[in-house]
PDB file of N, CA and C in Angstrom:
ATOM      1  N   MET A   1       8.251  -7.256   2.837  1.00  0.00           N
ATOM      2  CA  MET A   1       6.915  -7.463   2.173  1.00  0.00           C
ATOM      3  C   MET A   1       7.250  -7.849   0.663  1.00  0.00           C
ATOM      4  N   GLU A   2       6.521  -8.800   0.110  1.00  0.00           N
ATOM      5  CA  GLU A   2       6.644  -9.175  -1.276  1.00  0.00           C
ATOM      6  C   GLU A   2       5.988  -8.143  -2.219  1.00  0.00           C
ATOM      7  N   LYS A   3       6.443  -8.090  -3.350  1.00  0.00           N
ATOM      8  CA  LYS A   3       6.001  -7.179  -4.337  1.00  0.00           C
ATOM      9  C   LYS A   3       4.446  -7.663  -4.719  1.00  0.00           C
ATOM     10  N   ILE A   4       3.582  -6.736  -4.690  1.00  0.00           N
ATOM     11  CA  ILE A   4       2.210  -7.030  -5.027  1.00  0.00           C
ATOM     12  C   ILE A   4       1.846  -6.294  -6.328  1.00  0.00           C
ATOM     13  N   THR A   5       1.365  -6.960  -7.359  1.00  0.00           N
ATOM     14  CA  THR A   5       0.970  -6.408  -8.571  1.00  0.00           C
ATOM     15  C   THR A   5      -0.449  -5.809  -8.345  1.00  0.00           C
ATOM     16  N   VAL A   6      -0.743  -4.949  -9.397  1.00  0.00           N
ATOM     17  CA  VAL A   6      -2.035  -4.281  -9.574  1.00  0.00           C
ATOM     18  C   VAL A   6      -3.134  -5.325  -9.817  1.00  0.00           C
ATOM     19  N   SER A   7      -2.788  -6.375 -10.652  1.00  0.00           N
ATOM     20  CA  SER A   7      -3.710  -7.284 -10.926  1.00  0.00           C
ATOM     21  C   SER A   7      -4.073  -8.127  -9.655  1.00  0.00           C
ATOM     22  N   GLN A   8      -3.096  -8.362  -8.879  1.00  0.00           N
ATOM     23  CA  GLN A   8      -3.378  -9.100  -7.556  1.00  0.00           C
ATOM     24  C   GLN A   8      -4.234  -8.317  -6.687  1.00  0.00           C
ATOM     25  N   LEU A   9      -4.054  -6.962  -6.599  1.00  0.00           N
ATOM     26  CA  LEU A   9      -4.797  -5.928  -5.695  1.00  0.00           C
ATOM     27  C   LEU A   9      -6.369  -5.995  -6.199  1.00  0.00           C
ATOM     28  N   ARG A  10      -6.351  -6.059  -7.517  1.00  0.00           N
ATOM     29  CA  ARG A  10      -7.975  -5.965  -8.057  1.00  0.00           C
ATOM     30  C   ARG A  10      -8.593  -7.229  -7.772  1.00  0.00           C
ATOM     31  N   GLU A  11      -7.858  -8.387  -7.613  1.00  0.00           N
ATOM     32  CA  GLU A  11      -8.579  -9.522  -7.348  1.00  0.00           C
ATOM     33  C   GLU A  11      -9.041  -9.706  -5.758  1.00  0.00           C
ATOM     34  N   MET A  12      -8.457  -8.937  -4.984  1.00  0.00           N
ATOM     35  CA  MET A  12      -8.736  -8.850  -3.586  1.00  0.00           C
ATOM     36  C   MET A  12     -10.077  -8.322  -3.348  1.00  0.00           C
ATOM     37  N   ASN A  13     -10.764  -8.697  -2.244  1.00  0.00           N
ATOM     38  CA  ASN A  13     -12.096  -8.114  -1.912  1.00  0.00           C
ATOM     39  C   ASN A  13     -11.775  -6.893  -1.123  1.00  0.00           C
ATOM     40  N   ASP A  14     -12.887  -6.160  -0.822  1.00  0.00           N
ATOM     41  CA  ASP A  14     -12.716  -4.880  -0.001  1.00  0.00           C
ATOM     42  C   ASP A  14     -11.904  -4.949   1.306  1.00  0.00           C
ATOM     43  N   GLU A  15     -12.250  -6.120   2.067  1.00  0.00           N
ATOM     44  CA  GLU A  15     -11.752  -6.318   3.342  1.00  0.00           C
ATOM     45  C   GLU A  15     -10.267  -6.552   3.238  1.00  0.00           C
ATOM     46  N   GLN A  16      -9.836  -7.405   2.131  1.00  0.00           N
ATOM     47  CA  GLN A  16      -8.416  -7.605   2.087  1.00  0.00           C
ATOM     48  C   GLN A  16      -7.682  -6.370   1.561  1.00  0.00           C
ATOM     49  N   LEU A  17      -8.176  -5.601   0.749  1.00  0.00           N
ATOM     50  CA  LEU A  17      -7.620  -4.258   0.386  1.00  0.00           C
ATOM     51  C   LEU A  17      -7.406  -3.517   1.518  1.00  0.00           C
ATOM     52  N   ALA A  18      -8.407  -3.240   2.418  1.00  0.00           N
ATOM     53  CA  ALA A  18      -8.379  -2.386   3.553  1.00  0.00           C
ATOM     54  C   ALA A  18      -7.221  -3.027   4.470  1.00  0.00           C
ATOM     55  N   GLU A  19      -7.033  -4.381   4.631  1.00  0.00           N
ATOM     56  CA  GLU A  19      -6.079  -4.933   5.568  1.00  0.00           C
ATOM     57  C   GLU A  19      -4.695  -4.672   4.875  1.00  0.00           C
ATOM     58  N   THR A  20      -4.524  -4.845   3.629  1.00  0.00           N
ATOM     59  CA  THR A  20      -3.323  -4.585   2.981  1.00  0.00           C
ATOM     60  C   THR A  20      -2.983  -3.099   3.034  1.00  0.00           C
ATOM     61  N   LEU A  21      -3.913  -2.323   3.028  1.00  0.00           N
ATOM     62  CA  LEU A  21      -3.533  -0.828   3.143  1.00  0.00           C
ATOM     63  C   LEU A  21      -3.096  -0.551   4.518  1.00  0.00           C
ATOM     64  N   ASN A  22      -3.817  -1.018   5.500  1.00  0.00           N
ATOM     65  CA  ASN A  22      -3.397  -0.846   6.890  1.00  0.00           C
ATOM     66  C   ASN A  22      -1.943  -1.341   7.148  1.00  0.00           C
ATOM     67  N   ASP A  23      -1.660  -2.611   6.699  1.00  0.00           N
ATOM     68  CA  ASP A  23      -0.363  -3.208   6.755  1.00  0.00           C
ATOM     69  C   ASP A  23       0.637  -2.330   6.158  1.00  0.00           C
ATOM     70  N   THR A  24       0.459  -1.723   5.049  1.00  0.00           N
ATOM     71  CA  THR A  24       1.318  -1.126   4.226  1.00  0.00           C
ATOM     72  C   THR A  24       1.669   0.209   4.799  1.00  0.00           C
ATOM     73  N   THR A  25       0.611   0.881   5.377  1.00  0.00           N
ATOM     74  CA  THR A  25       0.661   2.047   5.972  1.00  0.00           C
ATOM     75  C   THR A  25       1.477   1.992   7.330  1.00  0.00           C
ATOM     76  N   LYS A  26       1.393   1.002   8.093  1.00  0.00           N
ATOM     77  CA  LYS A  26       2.145   0.844   9.286  1.00  0.00           C
ATOM     78  C   LYS A  26       3.669   0.460   8.931  1.00  0.00           C
ATOM     79  N   ALA A  27       3.763  -0.299   7.761  1.00  0.00           N
ATOM     80  CA  ALA A  27       5.250  -0.478   7.303  1.00  0.00           C
ATOM     81  C   ALA A  27       5.817   0.832   6.944  1.00  0.00           C
ATOM     82  N   LEU A  28       5.255   1.559   6.222  1.00  0.00           N
ATOM     83  CA  LEU A  28       5.733   2.867   5.799  1.00  0.00           C
ATOM     84  C   LEU A  28       6.138   3.748   6.930  1.00  0.00           C
ATOM     85  N   PHE A  29       5.248   3.789   8.015  1.00  0.00           N
ATOM     86  CA  PHE A  29       5.599   4.570   9.135  1.00  0.00           C
ATOM     87  C   PHE A  29       6.870   4.196   9.881  1.00  0.00           C
ATOM     88  N   TRP A  30       6.980   2.754  10.041  1.00  0.00           N
ATOM     89  CA  TRP A  30       8.307   2.212  10.545  1.00  0.00           C
ATOM     90  C   TRP A  30       9.504   2.430   9.747  1.00  0.00           C
ATOM     91  N   LEU A  31       9.389   2.418   8.424  1.00  0.00           N
ATOM     92  CA  LEU A  31      10.431   2.668   7.595  1.00  0.00           C
ATOM     93  C   LEU A  31      10.895   4.122   7.858  1.00  0.00           C
ATOM     94  N   ARG A  32       9.855   5.120   7.685  1.00  0.00           N
ATOM     95  CA  ARG A  32      10.189   6.403   7.914  1.00  0.00           C
ATOM     96  C   ARG A  32      10.942   6.699   9.292  1.00  0.00           C
ATOM     97  N   VAL A  33      10.534   6.009  10.416  1.00  0.00           N
ATOM     98  CA  VAL A  33      11.136   6.057  11.691  1.00  0.00           C
ATOM     99  C   VAL A  33      12.559   5.498  11.608  1.00  0.00           C
ATOM    100  N   LYS A  34      12.690   4.406  10.920  1.00  0.00           N
ATOM    101  CA  LYS A  34      14.028   3.892  10.910  1.00  0.00           C
ATOM    102  C   LYS A  34      15.027   4.679   9.897  1.00  0.00           C
ATOM    103  N   ALA A  35      14.441   5.410   8.904  1.00  0.00           N
ATOM    104  CA  ALA A  35      15.173   6.192   7.999  1.00  0.00           C
ATOM    105  C   ALA A  35      15.782   7.356   8.769  1.00  0.00           C
ATOM    106  N   GLN A  36      15.005   7.870   9.778  1.00  0.00           N
ATOM    107  CA  GLN A  36      15.424   9.009  10.586  1.00  0.00           C
ATOM    108  C   GLN A  36      16.398   8.700  11.605  1.00  0.00           C
ATOM    109  N   THR A  37      16.295   7.284  12.147  1.00  0.00           N
ATOM    110  CA  THR A  37      17.195   7.037  13.233  1.00  0.00           C
ATOM    111  C   THR A  37      18.338   6.191  12.861  1.00  0.00           C
ATOM    112  N   ASP A  38      18.188   5.573  11.669  1.00  0.00           N
ATOM    113  CA  ASP A  38      19.246   4.642  11.246  1.00  0.00           C
ATOM    114  C   ASP A  38      19.358   4.594   9.879  1.00  0.00           C
ATOM    115  N   ARG A  39      20.131   3.629   9.234  1.00  0.00           N
ATOM    116  CA  ARG A  39      20.275   3.671   7.737  1.00  0.00           C
ATOM    117  C   ARG A  39      19.398   2.470   7.310  1.00  0.00           C
ATOM    118  N   LEU A  40      18.630   2.809   6.185  1.00  0.00           N
ATOM    119  CA  LEU A  40      17.704   1.725   5.677  1.00  0.00           C
ATOM    120  C   LEU A  40      18.537   0.704   4.888  1.00  0.00           C
ATOM    121  N   ASP A  41      18.256  -0.639   5.015  1.00  0.00           N
ATOM    122  CA  ASP A  41      18.930  -1.543   4.114  1.00  0.00           C
ATOM    123  C   ASP A  41      18.526  -1.462   2.645  1.00  0.00           C
ATOM    124  N   VAL A  42      17.164  -1.144   2.341  1.00  0.00           N
ATOM    125  CA  VAL A  42      16.708  -0.915   0.945  1.00  0.00           C
ATOM    126  C   VAL A  42      15.788   0.310   0.932  1.00  0.00           C
ATOM    127  N   PRO A  43      16.629   1.374   0.601  1.00  0.00           N
ATOM    128  CA  PRO A  43      15.968   2.773   0.619  1.00  0.00           C
ATOM    129  C   PRO A  43      14.728   2.723  -0.478  1.00  0.00           C
ATOM    130  N   SER A  44      14.735   2.065  -1.410  1.00  0.00           N
ATOM    131  CA  SER A  44      13.658   1.940  -2.412  1.00  0.00           C
ATOM    132  C   SER A  44      12.365   1.414  -1.893  1.00  0.00           C
ATOM    133  N   GLU A  45      12.455   0.927  -0.646  1.00  0.00           N
ATOM    134  CA  GLU A  45      11.174   0.374   0.023  1.00  0.00           C
ATOM    135  C   GLU A  45      10.187   1.406   0.348  1.00  0.00           C
ATOM    136  N   LEU A  46      10.762   2.628   0.702  1.00  0.00           N
ATOM    137  CA  LEU A  46       9.901   3.745   0.958  1.00  0.00           C
ATOM    138  C   LEU A  46       9.043   4.037  -0.286  1.00  0.00           C
ATOM    139  N   ASN A  47       9.685   4.210  -1.389  1.00  0.00           N
ATOM    140  CA  ASN A  47       8.943   4.634  -2.678  1.00  0.00           C
ATOM    141  C   ASN A  47       7.899   3.391  -3.098  1.00  0.00           C
ATOM    142  N   ARG A  48       8.411   2.215  -2.751  1.00  0.00           N
ATOM    143  CA  ARG A  48       7.512   1.022  -3.134  1.00  0.00           C
ATOM    144  C   ARG A  48       6.285   1.119  -2.224  1.00  0.00           C
ATOM    145  N   ASN A  49       6.321   1.336  -0.931  1.00  0.00           N
ATOM    146  CA  ASN A  49       5.242   1.346  -0.063  1.00  0.00           C
ATOM    147  C   ASN A  49       4.327   2.534  -0.400  1.00  0.00           C
ATOM    148  N   ARG A  50       4.879   3.738  -0.785  1.00  0.00           N
ATOM    149  CA  ARG A  50       4.172   4.838  -1.136  1.00  0.00           C
ATOM    150  C   ARG A  50       3.264   4.689  -2.385  1.00  0.00           C
ATOM    151  N   LYS A  51       3.939   3.937  -3.189  1.00  0.00           N
ATOM    152  CA  LYS A  51       3.158   3.646  -4.643  1.00  0.00           C
ATOM    153  C   LYS A  51       2.019   2.569  -4.327  1.00  0.00           C
ATOM    154  N   LEU A  52       2.417   1.643  -3.429  1.00  0.00           N
ATOM    155  CA  LEU A  52       1.391   0.606  -3.180  1.00  0.00           C
ATOM    156  C   LEU A  52       0.295   1.265  -2.511  1.00  0.00           C
ATOM    157  N   ILE A  53       0.356   2.197  -1.507  1.00  0.00           N
ATOM    158  CA  ILE A  53      -0.644   2.741  -0.880  1.00  0.00           C
ATOM    159  C   ILE A  53      -1.504   3.612  -1.886  1.00  0.00           C
ATOM    160  N   ALA A  54      -0.798   4.266  -2.845  1.00  0.00           N
ATOM    161  CA  ALA A  54      -1.635   5.000  -3.895  1.00  0.00           C
ATOM    162  C   ALA A  54      -2.398   4.064  -4.724  1.00  0.00           C
ATOM    163  N   GLN A  55      -1.897   2.962  -5.021  1.00  0.00           N
ATOM    164  CA  GLN A  55      -2.605   2.046  -6.023  1.00  0.00           C
ATOM    165  C   GLN A  55      -3.767   1.576  -5.163  1.00  0.00           C
ATOM    166  N   ILE A  56      -3.690   1.056  -3.967  1.00  0.00           N
ATOM    167  CA  ILE A  56      -4.834   0.550  -3.181  1.00  0.00           C
ATOM    168  C   ILE A  56      -5.899   1.657  -3.091  1.00  0.00           C
ATOM    169  N   LYS A  57      -5.532   2.802  -2.855  1.00  0.00           N
ATOM    170  CA  LYS A  57      -6.647   3.890  -2.708  1.00  0.00           C
ATOM    171  C   LYS A  57      -7.260   4.223  -3.851  1.00  0.00           C
ATOM    172  N   THR A  58      -6.434   4.051  -5.024  1.00  0.00           N
ATOM    173  CA  THR A  58      -7.133   4.357  -6.381  1.00  0.00           C
ATOM    174  C   THR A  58      -8.167   3.238  -6.614  1.00  0.00           C
ATOM    175  N   ILE A  59      -7.745   2.030  -6.422  1.00  0.00           N
ATOM    176  CA  ILE A  59      -8.683   0.731  -6.612  1.00  0.00           C
ATOM    177  C   ILE A  59     -10.054   1.076  -5.724  1.00  0.00           C
ATOM    178  N   GLN A  60      -9.759   1.542  -4.532  1.00  0.00           N
ATOM    179  CA  GLN A  60     -10.917   1.607  -3.560  1.00  0.00           C
ATOM    180  C   GLN A  60     -11.840   2.757  -4.037  1.00  0.00           C
ATOM    181  N   SER A  61     -11.214   3.686  -4.555  1.00  0.00           N
ATOM    182  CA  SER A  61     -11.983   4.818  -5.113  1.00  0.00           C
ATOM    183  C   SER A  61     -12.708   4.378  -6.331  1.00  0.00           C
ATOM    184  N   GLN A  62     -12.146   3.619  -7.208  1.00  0.00           N
ATOM    185  CA  GLN A  62     -12.813   3.181  -8.361  1.00  0.00           C
ATOM    186  C   GLN A  62     -14.009   2.352  -8.024  1.00  0.00           C
ATOM    187  N   ARG A  63     -13.926   1.542  -7.110  1.00  0.00           N
ATOM    188  CA  ARG A  63     -14.903   0.579  -6.715  1.00  0.00           C
ATOM    189  C   ARG A  63     -16.120   1.354  -5.974  1.00  0.00           C
ATOM    190  N   ARG A  64     -15.830   2.337  -5.261  1.00  0.00           N
ATOM    191  CA  ARG A  64     -16.764   3.240  -4.616  1.00  0.00           C
ATOM    192  C   ARG A  64     -17.577   4.006  -5.705  1.00  0.00           C
ATOM    193  N   LEU A  65     -16.905   4.538  -6.655  1.00  0.00           N
ATOM    194  CA  LEU A  65     -17.619   5.286  -7.817  1.00  0.00           C
ATOM    195  C   LEU A  65     -18.403   4.241  -8.673  1.00  0.00           C
ATOM    196  N   ALA A  66     -18.037   3.119  -8.795  1.00  0.00           N
ATOM    197  CA  ALA A  66     -18.742   2.081  -9.683  1.00  0.00           C
ATOM    198  C   ALA A  66     -20.093   1.638  -8.901  1.00  0.00           C
ATOM    199  N   LYS A  67     -19.952   1.479  -7.572  1.00  0.00           N
ATOM    200  CA  LYS A  67     -21.145   1.258  -6.765  1.00  0.00           C
ATOM    201  C   LYS A  67     -22.068   2.527  -6.902  1.00  0.00           C
ATOM    202  N   ALA A  68     -21.534   3.699  -6.724  1.00  0.00           N
ATOM    203  CA  ALA A  68     -22.410   4.784  -6.650  1.00  0.00           C
ATOM    204  C   ALA A  68     -23.159   5.094  -8.018  1.00  0.00           C
ATOM    205  N   GLY A  69     -22.309   4.760  -9.066  1.00  0.00           N
ATOM    206  CA  GLY A  69     -22.949   5.302 -10.314  1.00  0.00           C
ATOM    207  C   GLY A  69     -23.585   4.235 -11.165  1.00  0.00           C
TER     208      GLY A  69
END
């Protein structure tokens, strides 16, 4: 998965953000499985995916609060 910046995330619409979150969550799951059963090629990929998930959830939360308020 290529590196996605916060500005790229902010340019996405809600559906694209949800899809990216879903894909990243699945990728993190499989990385965790692989880490337990085998050796990861790029161990930092786990942290990168966790950080990306947090960034997406933060943006989604900010958008929800902006719509509500």
